Amino acid sequence: MSCDARYEFFLRVDGESLWGGHIGLVQGWPLSPGEEDWMKIRVSSVGPELYYELGNPEV
Protein backbone atom coordinates (compact mmCIF):
# COMPACT_ATOMS: atom_id res chain seq x y z
CA MET A 1 0.00 0.00 0.00
CA SER A 2 1.23 3.47 -0.88
CA CYS A 3 1.78 6.26 1.64
CA ASP A 4 0.67 8.88 -0.88
CA ALA A 5 -2.97 10.04 -0.72
CA ARG A 6 -3.07 10.35 -4.53
CA TYR A 7 -2.98 6.55 -4.68
CA GLU A 8 -5.25 5.88 -1.69
CA PHE A 9 -8.29 7.97 -2.71
CA PHE A 10 -10.14 8.33 -5.99
CA LEU A 11 -13.02 10.43 -7.29
CA ARG A 12 -16.40 8.93 -8.17
CA VAL A 13 -18.27 11.12 -10.65
CA ASP A 14 -21.65 10.77 -12.31
CA GLY A 15 -23.89 13.25 -14.12
CA GLU A 16 -26.36 13.67 -11.27
CA SER A 17 -23.57 14.49 -8.81
CA LEU A 18 -21.98 17.01 -11.13
CA TRP A 19 -25.27 18.84 -11.66
CA GLY A 20 -25.61 18.96 -7.88
CA GLY A 21 -22.12 20.45 -7.52
CA HIS A 22 -20.54 17.54 -5.69
CA ILE A 23 -18.62 14.33 -6.38
CA GLY A 24 -17.72 11.29 -4.31
CA LEU A 25 -14.33 10.90 -2.67
CA VAL A 26 -13.70 7.17 -2.18
CA GLN A 27 -11.04 5.54 -0.03
CA GLY A 28 -9.37 3.00 -2.30
CA TRP A 29 -8.31 0.69 0.54
CA PRO A 30 -11.31 0.29 2.88
CA LEU A 31 -10.68 -0.77 6.45
CA SER A 32 -12.96 -3.82 6.12
CA PRO A 33 -13.23 -6.01 3.00
CA GLY A 34 -16.45 -5.50 1.06
CA GLU A 35 -17.04 -2.11 2.64
CA GLU A 36 -16.92 1.09 0.61
CA ASP A 37 -15.92 4.23 2.45
CA TRP A 38 -16.77 7.48 0.65
CA MET A 39 -18.07 10.97 1.23
CA LYS A 40 -19.51 13.84 -0.83
CA ILE A 41 -17.24 16.80 -1.52
CA ARG A 42 -17.78 19.97 -3.53
CA VAL A 43 -16.30 19.99 -7.02
CA SER A 44 -14.48 23.23 -6.18
CA SER A 45 -12.62 21.42 -3.35
CA VAL A 46 -10.73 19.12 -5.72
CA GLY A 47 -7.12 20.14 -6.21
CA PRO A 48 -3.62 19.51 -4.89
CA GLU A 49 -4.57 20.94 -1.50
CA LEU A 50 -7.21 18.22 -1.03
CA TYR A 51 -4.66 15.44 -1.44
CA TYR A 52 -2.18 17.26 0.76
CA GLU A 53 -4.82 17.38 3.53
CA LEU A 54 -5.74 13.72 3.01
CA GLY A 55 -2.09 12.74 3.39
CA ASN A 56 -2.00 14.28 6.89
CA PRO A 57 -3.00 11.55 9.41
CA GLU A 58 -4.33 14.18 11.85
CA VAL A 59 -6.96 15.52 9.43
C-alpha atoms as a PDB file:
ATOM      1  CA  MET A   1       0.000   0.000   0.000  1.00  0.00           C
ATOM      2  CA  SER A   2       1.229   3.466  -0.878  1.00  0.00           C
ATOM      3  CA  CYS A   3       1.785   6.258   1.637  1.00  0.00           C
ATOM      4  CA  ASP A   4       0.672   8.885  -0.880  1.00  0.00           C
ATOM      5  CA  ALA A   5      -2.971  10.045  -0.717  1.00  0.00           C
ATOM      6  CA  ARG A   6      -3.073  10.353  -4.532  1.00  0.00           C
ATOM      7  CA  TYR A   7      -2.980   6.550  -4.675  1.00  0.00           C
ATOM      8  CA  GLU A   8      -5.253   5.877  -1.690  1.00  0.00           C
ATOM      9  CA  PHE A   9      -8.293   7.973  -2.711  1.00  0.00           C
ATOM     10  CA  PHE A  10     -10.140   8.334  -5.992  1.00  0.00           C
ATOM     11  CA  LEU A  11     -13.023  10.430  -7.291  1.00  0.00           C
ATOM     12  CA  ARG A  12     -16.400   8.927  -8.173  1.00  0.00           C
ATOM     13  CA  VAL A  13     -18.267  11.115 -10.655  1.00  0.00           C
ATOM     14  CA  ASP A  14     -21.653  10.770 -12.312  1.00  0.00           C
ATOM     15  CA  GLY A  15     -23.885  13.251 -14.117  1.00  0.00           C
ATOM     16  CA  GLU A  16     -26.359  13.674 -11.267  1.00  0.00           C
ATOM     17  CA  SER A  17     -23.568  14.491  -8.812  1.00  0.00           C
ATOM     18  CA  LEU A  18     -21.977  17.012 -11.129  1.00  0.00           C
ATOM     19  CA  TRP A  19     -25.270  18.836 -11.656  1.00  0.00           C
ATOM     20  CA  GLY A  20     -25.606  18.958  -7.876  1.00  0.00           C
ATOM     21  CA  GLY A  21     -22.115  20.453  -7.524  1.00  0.00           C
ATOM     22  CA  HIS A  22     -20.540  17.537  -5.689  1.00  0.00           C
ATOM     23  CA  ILE A  23     -18.623  14.332  -6.379  1.00  0.00           C
ATOM     24  CA  GLY A  24     -17.716  11.286  -4.309  1.00  0.00           C
ATOM     25  CA  LEU A  25     -14.325  10.896  -2.666  1.00  0.00           C
ATOM     26  CA  VAL A  26     -13.696   7.167  -2.184  1.00  0.00           C
ATOM     27  CA  GLN A  27     -11.045   5.537  -0.031  1.00  0.00           C
ATOM     28  CA  GLY A  28      -9.366   2.999  -2.299  1.00  0.00           C
ATOM     29  CA  TRP A  29      -8.305   0.691   0.542  1.00  0.00           C
ATOM     30  CA  PRO A  30     -11.309   0.292   2.877  1.00  0.00           C
ATOM     31  CA  LEU A  31     -10.677  -0.774   6.445  1.00  0.00           C
ATOM     32  CA  SER A  32     -12.964  -3.816   6.122  1.00  0.00           C
ATOM     33  CA  PRO A  33     -13.228  -6.013   2.995  1.00  0.00           C
ATOM     34  CA  GLY A  34     -16.453  -5.505   1.064  1.00  0.00           C
ATOM     35  CA  GLU A  35     -17.040  -2.114   2.638  1.00  0.00           C
ATOM     36  CA  GLU A  36     -16.924   1.091   0.608  1.00  0.00           C
ATOM     37  CA  ASP A  37     -15.916   4.233   2.447  1.00  0.00           C
ATOM     38  CA  TRP A  38     -16.767   7.475   0.648  1.00  0.00           C
ATOM     39  CA  MET A  39     -18.068  10.974   1.225  1.00  0.00           C
ATOM     40  CA  LYS A  40     -19.505  13.845  -0.831  1.00  0.00           C
ATOM     41  CA  ILE A  41     -17.244  16.800  -1.525  1.00  0.00           C
ATOM     42  CA  ARG A  42     -17.780  19.974  -3.526  1.00  0.00           C
ATOM     43  CA  VAL A  43     -16.296  19.990  -7.019  1.00  0.00           C
ATOM     44  CA  SER A  44     -14.477  23.230  -6.182  1.00  0.00           C
ATOM     45  CA  SER A  45     -12.621  21.419  -3.353  1.00  0.00           C
ATOM     46  CA  VAL A  46     -10.734  19.124  -5.721  1.00  0.00           C
ATOM     47  CA  GLY A  47      -7.122  20.144  -6.205  1.00  0.00           C
ATOM     48  CA  PRO A  48      -3.622  19.506  -4.893  1.00  0.00           C
ATOM     49  CA  GLU A  49      -4.574  20.939  -1.496  1.00  0.00           C
ATOM     50  CA  LEU A  50      -7.208  18.222  -1.026  1.00  0.00           C
ATOM     51  CA  TYR A  51      -4.662  15.438  -1.442  1.00  0.00           C
ATOM     52  CA  TYR A  52      -2.179  17.260   0.763  1.00  0.00           C
ATOM     53  CA  GLU A  53      -4.815  17.381   3.533  1.00  0.00           C
ATOM     54  CA  LEU A  54      -5.741  13.718   3.007  1.00  0.00           C
ATOM     55  CA  GLY A  55      -2.085  12.745   3.393  1.00  0.00           C
ATOM     56  CA  ASN A  56      -2.003  14.280   6.885  1.00  0.00           C
ATOM     57  CA  PRO A  57      -2.997  11.551   9.408  1.00  0.00           C
ATOM     58  CA  GLU A  58      -4.333  14.177  11.851  1.00  0.00           C
ATOM     59  CA  VAL A  59      -6.965  15.520   9.427  1.00  0.00           C
END
